[in-house]
Protein backbone atom coordinates (compact mmCIF):
# COMPACT_ATOMS: atom_id res chain seq x y z
CA UNK A 1 -33.58 -5.01 -21.03
CA UNK A 2 -33.01 -4.70 -17.04
CA UNK A 3 -35.14 -2.21 -15.05
CA UNK A 4 -33.26 1.05 -14.18
CA UNK A 5 -32.26 1.63 -10.71
CA UNK A 6 -34.64 3.87 -8.18
CA UNK A 7 -32.93 3.43 -5.36
CA UNK A 8 -29.80 5.15 -3.86
CA UNK A 9 -28.22 4.55 -0.24
CA UNK A 10 -26.51 6.89 2.14
CA UNK A 11 -24.65 6.22 5.03
CA UNK A 12 -22.20 8.68 7.26
CA UNK A 13 -20.60 8.16 10.84
CA UNK A 14 -21.56 9.86 13.79
CA UNK A 15 -19.94 13.54 13.77
CA UNK A 16 -18.52 15.61 16.24
CA UNK A 17 -17.34 18.80 14.71
CA UNK A 18 -15.40 21.78 16.43
CA UNK A 19 -12.97 23.09 18.22
CA UNK A 20 -12.41 21.34 21.33
CA UNK A 21 -14.14 18.31 20.24
CA UNK A 22 -10.82 16.11 20.50
CA UNK A 23 -11.27 16.62 24.33
CA UNK A 24 -14.28 14.56 24.48
CA UNK A 25 -13.47 11.56 23.00
CA UNK A 26 -12.88 9.39 26.42
CA UNK A 27 -16.76 10.35 27.22
CA UNK A 28 -17.56 9.43 23.95
CA UNK A 29 -16.18 5.87 24.00
CA UNK A 30 -17.36 5.54 27.43
CA UNK A 31 -20.76 5.48 26.13
CA UNK A 32 -19.73 2.06 24.24
CA UNK A 33 -18.63 0.62 27.48
CA UNK A 34 -14.81 -0.15 26.21
CA UNK A 35 -12.22 -0.63 28.56
CA UNK A 36 -9.15 -1.18 26.31
CA UNK A 37 -8.31 1.36 23.14
CA UNK A 38 -5.52 1.40 20.84
CA UNK A 39 -4.70 4.93 19.72
CA UNK A 40 -2.86 5.01 16.20
CA UNK A 41 -0.78 7.77 14.58
CA UNK A 42 2.25 8.35 12.82
CA UNK A 43 5.43 9.71 14.35
CA UNK A 44 4.86 13.08 12.61
CA UNK A 45 1.24 13.60 14.48
CA UNK A 46 2.52 11.85 17.68
CA UNK A 47 5.42 14.48 18.01
CA UNK A 48 2.67 17.16 18.21
CA UNK A 49 1.44 15.66 21.47
CA UNK A 50 -2.26 15.46 20.29
CA UNK A 51 -2.35 11.45 20.47
CA UNK A 52 -1.04 11.16 23.89
CA UNK A 53 -3.21 13.74 25.15
CA UNK A 54 -6.22 12.17 23.71
CA UNK A 55 -5.14 8.67 25.00
CA UNK A 56 -4.23 10.25 28.86
CA UNK A 57 -7.76 12.07 28.83
CA UNK A 58 -9.57 8.59 28.45
CA UNK A 59 -8.39 7.24 32.14
CA UNK A 60 -10.89 9.59 33.97
CA UNK A 61 -13.64 7.37 32.24
CA UNK A 62 -11.98 4.10 33.13
CA UNK A 63 -10.44 3.40 30.05
CA UNK A 64 -6.84 2.18 29.29
CA UNK A 65 -5.23 3.36 26.31
CA UNK A 66 -2.08 2.70 24.25
CA UNK A 67 -0.44 4.68 21.57
CA UNK A 68 0.65 2.98 18.38
CA UNK A 69 2.96 5.58 16.46
CA UNK A 70 4.25 3.45 13.74
CA UNK A 71 1.64 4.63 10.72
CA UNK A 72 3.45 5.04 7.51
CA UNK A 73 2.62 7.73 5.50
CA UNK A 74 1.06 6.85 2.24
CA UNK A 75 0.59 3.15 3.43
CA UNK A 76 1.53 -0.19 2.25
CA UNK A 77 0.70 -3.91 2.56
CA UNK A 78 3.79 -4.08 4.68
CA UNK A 79 3.31 -1.12 7.08
CA UNK A 80 -0.69 -2.48 7.48
CA UNK A 81 1.04 -5.68 8.44
CA UNK A 82 3.03 -4.32 11.04
CA UNK A 83 0.37 -2.40 12.95
CA UNK A 84 -1.83 -5.32 12.38
CA UNK A 85 0.87 -7.58 14.26
CA UNK A 86 1.28 -5.10 16.90
CA UNK A 87 -2.41 -4.90 17.54
CA UNK A 88 -2.95 -8.60 17.65
CA UNK A 89 0.30 -8.80 19.91
CA UNK A 90 -1.08 -6.29 22.33
CA UNK A 91 -4.53 -6.91 22.38
CA UNK A 92 -7.52 -7.73 22.57
CA UNK A 93 -8.65 -4.20 21.97
CA UNK A 94 -12.27 -2.97 22.71
CA UNK A 95 -12.21 0.06 20.22
CA UNK A 96 -9.49 2.03 18.25
CA UNK A 97 -8.94 5.68 17.72
CA UNK A 98 -6.75 7.03 14.59
CA UNK A 99 -5.18 10.43 15.19
CA UNK A 100 -4.00 11.66 11.95
CA UNK A 101 -4.36 11.69 8.10
CA UNK A 102 -5.87 9.59 5.84
CA UNK A 103 -3.20 7.35 6.23
CA UNK A 104 -3.59 6.85 9.87
CA UNK A 105 -7.55 6.45 9.47
CA UNK A 106 -7.17 3.98 6.77
CA UNK A 107 -4.32 2.07 8.79
CA UNK A 108 -6.83 1.80 11.60
CA UNK A 109 -9.66 0.68 9.46
CA UNK A 110 -7.29 -2.21 8.55
CA UNK A 111 -6.08 -3.11 12.03
CA UNK A 112 -9.89 -3.02 13.19
CA UNK A 113 -11.11 -5.62 10.16
CA UNK A 114 -7.92 -7.99 10.33
CA UNK A 115 -8.18 -8.03 14.44
CA UNK A 116 -11.90 -8.98 13.89
CA UNK A 117 -11.99 -11.45 11.10
CA UNK A 118 -9.70 -14.30 9.94
CA UNK A 119 -7.68 -14.64 6.88
CA UNK A 120 -4.80 -12.68 5.49
CA UNK A 121 -4.98 -9.00 4.19
CA UNK A 122 -5.09 -10.27 0.26
CA UNK A 123 -8.42 -11.53 1.02
CA UNK A 124 -10.19 -8.40 1.28
CA UNK A 125 -8.47 -6.16 -0.96
CA UNK A 126 -10.50 -4.96 -4.11
CA UNK A 127 -10.61 -7.31 -6.76
CA UNK A 128 -8.70 -7.97 -9.37
CA UNK A 129 -5.71 -7.31 -7.30
CA UNK A 130 -7.13 -9.28 -4.22
CA UNK A 131 -10.07 -11.48 -3.54
CA UNK A 132 -12.50 -8.92 -2.48
CA UNK A 133 -13.78 -11.06 0.63
CA UNK A 134 -16.55 -9.80 2.80
CA UNK A 135 -15.93 -9.38 6.36
CA UNK A 136 -17.77 -12.03 8.23
CA UNK A 137 -17.88 -10.34 12.01
CA UNK A 138 -18.90 -7.11 13.23
CA UNK A 139 -15.66 -4.96 13.61
CA UNK A 140 -15.21 -2.79 17.02
CA UNK A 141 -16.07 0.75 17.39
CA UNK A 142 -13.38 2.92 15.59
CA UNK A 143 -13.02 6.82 16.39
CA UNK A 144 -11.52 8.58 13.31
CA UNK A 145 -9.92 11.91 14.33
CA UNK A 146 -8.46 13.75 11.21
CA UNK A 147 -5.58 16.23 11.67
CA UNK A 148 -5.49 16.91 7.78
CA UNK A 149 -7.79 18.47 6.05
CA UNK A 150 -8.54 16.45 3.09
CA UNK A 151 -8.77 12.90 2.58
CA UNK A 152 -12.24 12.46 4.16
CA UNK A 153 -11.49 8.91 5.39
CA UNK A 154 -13.38 9.78 8.67
CA UNK A 155 -16.57 9.44 6.68
CA UNK A 156 -15.73 6.32 4.10
CA UNK A 157 -16.01 2.68 4.01
CA UNK A 158 -12.80 2.36 2.00
CA UNK A 159 -8.98 2.16 3.18
CA UNK A 160 -5.99 2.62 0.47
CA UNK A 161 -2.49 1.20 0.29
CA UNK A 162 0.11 0.26 -1.79
CA UNK A 163 0.96 -3.36 -2.52
CA UNK A 164 4.85 -3.30 -2.75
CA UNK A 165 5.04 -6.70 -4.92
CA UNK A 166 2.58 -5.65 -7.49
CA UNK A 167 3.58 -1.89 -7.26
CA UNK A 168 0.04 -0.96 -7.41
CA UNK A 169 -2.26 1.24 -5.04
CA UNK A 170 -5.39 -0.26 -4.47
CA UNK A 171 -7.91 -0.69 -1.60
CA UNK A 172 -10.34 -2.57 0.74
CA UNK A 173 -14.01 -1.55 0.32
CA UNK A 174 -16.94 -2.36 2.69
CA UNK A 175 -19.70 -0.49 4.67
CA UNK A 176 -18.30 -2.30 7.81
CA UNK A 177 -15.08 -0.12 7.47
CA UNK A 178 -16.92 3.28 8.07
CA UNK A 179 -15.81 4.73 11.56
CA UNK A 180 -18.20 4.89 14.26
CA UNK A 181 -17.80 8.29 15.05
CA UNK A 182 -15.84 11.31 13.19
CA UNK A 183 -14.40 13.42 15.46
CA UNK A 184 -13.21 16.98 13.70
CA UNK A 185 -11.55 19.22 15.41
CA UNK A 186 -9.97 22.04 13.37
CA UNK A 187 -7.45 22.82 16.11
CA UNK A 188 -5.39 20.09 15.50
CA UNK A 189 -5.12 21.13 11.64
CA UNK A 190 -3.48 24.37 12.62
CA UNK A 191 0.30 23.00 12.43
CA UNK A 192 -0.33 21.71 8.90
CA UNK A 193 2.27 22.48 6.71
CA UNK A 194 1.34 24.70 3.41
CA UNK A 195 2.42 21.63 1.19
CA UNK A 196 0.30 19.33 2.85
CA UNK A 197 -2.70 21.73 3.06
CA UNK A 198 -2.41 22.28 -0.85
CA UNK A 199 -2.34 18.58 -1.78
CA UNK A 200 -4.96 17.34 0.85
CA UNK A 201 -7.10 20.24 -0.12
CA UNK A 202 -6.97 19.09 -3.80
CA UNK A 203 -8.32 15.75 -2.84
CA UNK A 204 -11.12 17.55 -0.81
CA UNK A 205 -11.93 19.42 -4.40
CA UNK A 206 -11.59 16.36 -6.13
CA UNK A 207 -13.83 14.37 -3.89
CA UNK A 208 -16.70 17.15 -4.34
CA UNK A 209 -16.10 17.28 -8.26
CA UNK A 210 -15.90 13.54 -8.86
CA UNK A 211 -19.16 12.59 -6.64
CA UNK A 212 -20.82 15.68 -8.59
CA UNK A 213 -20.08 14.45 -12.07
CA UNK A 214 -20.29 10.80 -11.18
CA UNK A 215 -22.70 8.94 -13.23
CA UNK A 216 -26.33 9.08 -11.58
CA UNK A 217 -27.54 6.30 -9.35
CA UNK A 218 -30.69 6.11 -11.72
CA UNK A 219 -28.31 5.22 -14.78
CA UNK A 220 -27.73 1.72 -13.18
CA UNK A 221 -29.38 -1.46 -14.06
CA UNK A 222 -31.67 -2.34 -10.92
CA UNK A 223 -29.85 -3.87 -7.98
CA UNK A 224 -30.77 -6.49 -5.31
CA UNK A 225 -30.19 -5.77 -1.73
CA UNK A 226 -27.27 -7.95 -1.64
CA UNK A 227 -25.66 -6.43 -4.61
CA UNK A 228 -25.90 -2.98 -3.17
CA UNK A 229 -22.30 -1.17 -2.69
CA UNK A 230 -21.54 2.02 -0.84
CA UNK A 231 -20.51 3.87 -4.23
CA UNK A 232 -24.29 4.46 -5.66
CA UNK A 233 -23.65 6.97 -8.32
CA UNK A 234 -24.57 10.75 -7.78
CA UNK A 235 -27.66 11.22 -6.11
CA UNK A 236 -29.66 14.30 -4.57
CA UNK A 237 -28.22 14.25 -0.81
CA UNK A 238 -24.58 13.61 -1.90
CA UNK A 239 -25.19 16.43 -4.39
CA UNK A 240 -25.65 18.96 -1.65
CA UNK A 241 -22.70 17.92 0.33
CA UNK A 242 -20.48 18.33 -2.95
CA UNK A 243 -21.92 21.92 -3.60
CA UNK A 244 -21.55 22.85 0.17
CA UNK A 245 -17.97 21.69 0.11
CA UNK A 246 -16.92 23.54 -3.23
CA UNK A 247 -18.60 26.95 -2.05
CA UNK A 248 -16.53 26.66 1.16
CA UNK A 249 -13.09 25.87 -0.79
CA UNK A 250 -13.61 28.80 -2.82
CA UNK A 251 -13.51 31.21 -0.03
CA UNK A 252 -11.13 29.19 2.15
CA UNK A 253 -8.66 27.15 0.20
CA UNK A 254 -5.99 29.78 -1.14
CA UNK A 255 -5.87 31.43 2.56
CA UNK A 256 -5.39 28.45 4.49
CA UNK A 257 -2.43 27.50 2.37
CA UNK A 258 -0.92 31.18 2.09
CA UNK A 259 -1.61 31.76 6.25
CA UNK A 260 -1.92 28.61 8.20
CA UNK A 261 -2.68 30.73 11.23
CA UNK A 262 -6.11 31.94 9.79
CA UNK A 263 -8.56 29.93 12.12
CA UNK A 264 -11.50 30.61 9.96
CA UNK A 265 -10.09 29.32 6.86
CA UNK A 266 -8.66 26.07 8.68
CA UNK A 267 -12.35 25.65 10.28
CA UNK A 268 -13.92 25.99 6.68
CA UNK A 269 -11.35 23.51 5.28
CA UNK A 270 -12.04 20.91 8.01
CA UNK A 271 -15.64 21.77 7.07
CA UNK A 272 -15.32 21.16 3.56
CA UNK A 273 -13.25 18.06 4.11
CA UNK A 274 -16.14 16.47 6.12
CA UNK A 275 -18.82 17.68 3.57
CA UNK A 276 -17.12 16.38 0.71
CA UNK A 277 -16.36 13.00 2.46
CA UNK A 278 -20.14 12.76 3.33
CA UNK A 279 -20.81 13.00 -0.60
CA UNK A 280 -18.18 10.86 -1.96
CA UNK A 281 -18.64 8.26 0.67
CA UNK A 282 -21.74 7.50 -1.08
CA UNK A 283 -21.73 8.77 -4.57
CA UNK A 284 -18.03 7.43 -5.26
CA UNK A 285 -15.40 8.93 -7.12
CA UNK A 286 -13.93 8.38 -10.61
CA UNK A 287 -11.11 9.18 -13.27
CA UNK A 288 -8.84 11.35 -11.18
CA UNK A 289 -8.88 8.72 -8.40
CA UNK A 290 -8.42 5.73 -10.54
CA UNK A 291 -5.25 7.69 -12.36
CA UNK A 292 -4.08 8.47 -8.66
CA UNK A 293 -3.33 4.98 -7.63
CA UNK A 294 -0.68 4.33 -10.32
CA UNK A 295 0.71 7.61 -10.26
CA UNK A 296 1.61 7.58 -6.35
CA UNK A 297 2.19 3.72 -6.32
CA UNK A 298 4.98 3.83 -9.29
CA UNK A 299 6.73 6.61 -8.14
CA UNK A 300 9.61 4.93 -6.22
CA UNK A 301 10.69 3.38 -9.31
CA UNK A 302 10.04 5.96 -11.69
CA UNK A 303 10.53 9.68 -9.94
CA UNK A 304 12.85 8.61 -6.98
CA UNK A 305 13.97 12.26 -6.97
CA UNK A 306 10.67 13.98 -6.33
CA UNK A 307 10.17 15.37 -2.75
CA UNK A 308 7.04 17.24 -2.13
CA UNK A 309 7.24 20.28 0.00
CA UNK A 310 5.86 19.66 3.64
CA UNK A 311 6.10 15.76 3.78
CA UNK A 312 8.89 13.51 5.10
CA UNK A 313 11.79 13.86 2.89
CA UNK A 314 12.87 10.12 3.65
CA UNK A 315 11.90 8.63 0.23
CA UNK A 316 10.30 9.66 -2.82
CA UNK A 317 6.35 9.85 -2.78
CA UNK A 318 3.19 11.59 -4.60
CA UNK A 319 0.93 12.27 -2.07
CA UNK A 320 -2.60 11.18 -2.69
CA UNK A 321 -4.00 14.68 -3.08
CA UNK A 322 -1.54 15.59 -5.34
CA UNK A 323 -1.64 12.49 -7.42
CA UNK A 324 -5.28 12.75 -7.57
CA UNK A 325 -4.93 16.37 -9.10
CA UNK A 326 -2.31 15.84 -11.61
CA UNK A 327 -4.91 14.63 -14.09
CA UNK A 328 -8.18 16.28 -12.69
CA UNK A 329 -7.84 19.12 -15.21
CA UNK A 330 -7.87 16.85 -18.43
CA UNK A 331 -10.33 14.33 -16.83
CA UNK A 332 -12.85 17.21 -16.32
CA UNK A 333 -12.60 18.29 -19.85
CA UNK A 334 -13.00 14.62 -21.00
CA UNK A 335 -16.04 14.04 -18.52
CA UNK A 336 -17.72 17.66 -19.86
CA UNK A 337 -20.11 16.03 -22.58
CA UNK A 338 -21.61 14.00 -19.96
CA UNK A 339 -23.25 16.62 -17.99
CA UNK A 340 -22.30 20.25 -19.16
CA UNK A 341 -24.70 21.99 -16.52
CA UNK A 342 -22.79 20.45 -13.70
CA UNK A 343 -19.21 20.95 -15.05
CA UNK A 344 -20.25 24.70 -15.51
CA UNK A 345 -22.00 24.90 -12.33
CA UNK A 346 -19.03 23.55 -10.67
CA UNK A 347 -16.92 26.04 -12.00
CA UNK A 348 -19.21 28.93 -10.86
CA UNK A 349 -19.03 27.54 -7.28
CA UNK A 350 -15.23 27.31 -7.22
CA UNK A 351 -14.60 30.78 -8.72
CA UNK A 352 -18.00 32.69 -8.26
CA UNK A 353 -16.08 36.18 -8.59
CA UNK A 354 -14.79 35.56 -12.26
CA UNK A 355 -15.80 34.90 -15.43
CA UNK A 356 -15.63 31.62 -17.17
CA UNK A 357 -14.58 29.97 -20.40
CA UNK A 358 -17.28 28.44 -22.10
CA UNK A 359 -17.67 24.93 -22.73
CA UNK A 360 -15.39 22.05 -21.80
CA UNK A 361 -12.35 24.37 -20.67
CA UNK A 362 -14.15 26.23 -17.81
CA UNK A 363 -13.71 23.89 -15.14
CA UNK A 364 -10.04 22.81 -16.35
CA UNK A 365 -9.09 26.74 -16.38
CA UNK A 366 -10.63 27.22 -12.67
CA UNK A 367 -8.44 24.10 -11.71
CA UNK A 368 -5.20 25.31 -13.37
CA UNK A 369 -5.64 28.80 -11.88
CA UNK A 370 -6.04 27.37 -8.05
CA UNK A 371 -3.14 24.79 -8.70
CA UNK A 372 -0.83 27.34 -9.72
CA UNK A 373 -1.85 29.73 -6.76
CA UNK A 374 -1.06 26.68 -4.15
CA UNK A 375 1.95 25.71 -5.99
CA UNK A 376 0.72 22.24 -7.15
CA UNK A 377 3.07 20.74 -9.82
CA UNK A 378 2.35 21.41 -13.31
CA UNK A 379 1.31 17.95 -14.42
CA UNK A 380 2.87 14.34 -14.33
CA UNK A 381 5.99 15.72 -16.09
CA UNK A 382 6.73 17.98 -12.94
CA UNK A 383 6.80 14.96 -10.58
CA UNK A 384 8.98 13.00 -13.09
CA UNK A 385 7.01 11.13 -15.53
CA UNK A 386 7.27 11.29 -19.04
CA UNK A 387 5.63 9.63 -22.19
CA UNK A 388 7.39 6.48 -21.54
CA UNK A 389 5.53 5.60 -18.69
CA UNK A 390 2.08 6.52 -20.16
CA UNK A 391 1.18 2.49 -20.86
CA UNK A 392 2.26 1.56 -17.62
CA UNK A 393 -0.18 4.17 -15.70
CA UNK A 394 -2.94 3.29 -18.16
CA UNK A 395 -2.55 -0.22 -16.82
CA UNK A 396 -2.64 0.59 -13.49
CA UNK A 397 -5.78 2.91 -13.73
CA UNK A 398 -7.39 0.30 -15.56
CA UNK A 399 -7.60 -2.01 -12.70
CA UNK A 400 -9.26 0.27 -10.34
CA UNK A 401 -12.85 -0.85 -11.93
CA UNK A 402 -14.59 -0.29 -8.95
CA UNK A 403 -13.92 3.67 -9.25
CA UNK A 404 -14.01 3.62 -13.06
CA UNK A 405 -17.65 2.14 -12.80
CA UNK A 406 -18.64 5.55 -11.37
CA UNK A 407 -17.57 7.43 -14.03
CA UNK A 408 -20.13 9.54 -16.09
CA UNK A 409 -18.61 7.78 -19.50
CA UNK A 410 -17.30 4.76 -20.48
CA UNK A 411 -13.41 4.74 -20.17
CA UNK A 412 -11.10 2.51 -22.37
CA UNK A 413 -7.80 2.12 -22.25
CA UNK A 414 -7.42 4.86 -25.01
CA UNK A 415 -9.18 7.37 -23.20
CA UNK A 416 -7.17 6.65 -20.11
CA UNK A 417 -4.16 7.19 -22.23
CA UNK A 418 -5.06 10.64 -23.76
CA UNK A 419 -6.03 12.12 -20.45
CA UNK A 420 -2.65 10.94 -18.75
CA UNK A 421 -0.68 11.81 -21.90
CA UNK A 422 -2.30 15.50 -21.99
CA UNK A 423 -1.70 15.75 -18.22
CA UNK A 424 2.19 15.40 -18.53
CA UNK A 425 2.32 19.46 -18.96
CA UNK A 426 -1.03 21.15 -17.83
CA UNK A 427 -0.42 24.70 -18.66
């Protein structure tokens, strides 16, 4: 029998938090002795003027900056490729700045990787979809500036994308992808639409819940140093971040969706997103995120008419945070037996002023109440999936073994099918 693990790891970017912090990025980059910087963003965020403002204020520090505004919301291998090609053709670059949501930050991570290392994108995509090759060379400094409160991408070592030919959502994961500096300026989130706030906020919540309920780092067999990966299981430090994130969500989430001009709620949501990112970026996520990949990746074919509020309406999409949330109640009902005390603790943190159902219904009930209040769809059926899609979704979810390995119970295909089937209608 192998010895039990006794070591956990923790990593995080440098962090600058607070309103006005994005005004200091030129100074921050000057400390890395850079001269040419590529600022990446998407068209919607570019229209706010924030990326151009951030680029222009670098000039006072002798830094030349150029803005690329072609990032695709819910990125694909094709959109990653377009950004990589642009960076290669206009480079070399000394550093990168990502101004936007998780899609932009993830795109910047891929651009950084592919302009500093050789090979093709598929070489680095997680197995079994890709070849899971590790980067051989250091990456350039990357400053992540989130304009949505949810993804936690500014803190993590992963980037997520759709591989169009395979109709699967997957990712790239390596410690070198973690941004050098996260600049979290809540003022940049004030124009975030209510629908985006709701979906992205559910991503925060599931980050905190999944890392909090992930299998403990002590439940793994002992690893050698070269075997260690960023997702090491729940541990005392990630638990603290997750609990604080849930407490902040309890007081700010509904308010931020209802009244986007509430400055305190926006600040608390930004802080919750940062804290949840610092937690799950080390502990890991599990079943809801594994399910979310095929839910979001197959929507173009199976749910072509679904258009979420607050997002571009030129094509069907299930935003990542929404996709994660749609199976979360049933996933946490299923994981309850692994650690009842943690599930009940999470329910009490998220809804401290309300009585809770006993046993496995407690946390799902809290989640369902919240999802109703912020207009998240009532399960997979509400976005267009039905019983005939379950097998296909199971196949996609089971490919996410990097995530499912963190689940507190071993997940079989039958288990995944049951969770997905019960998630067709949540209430």
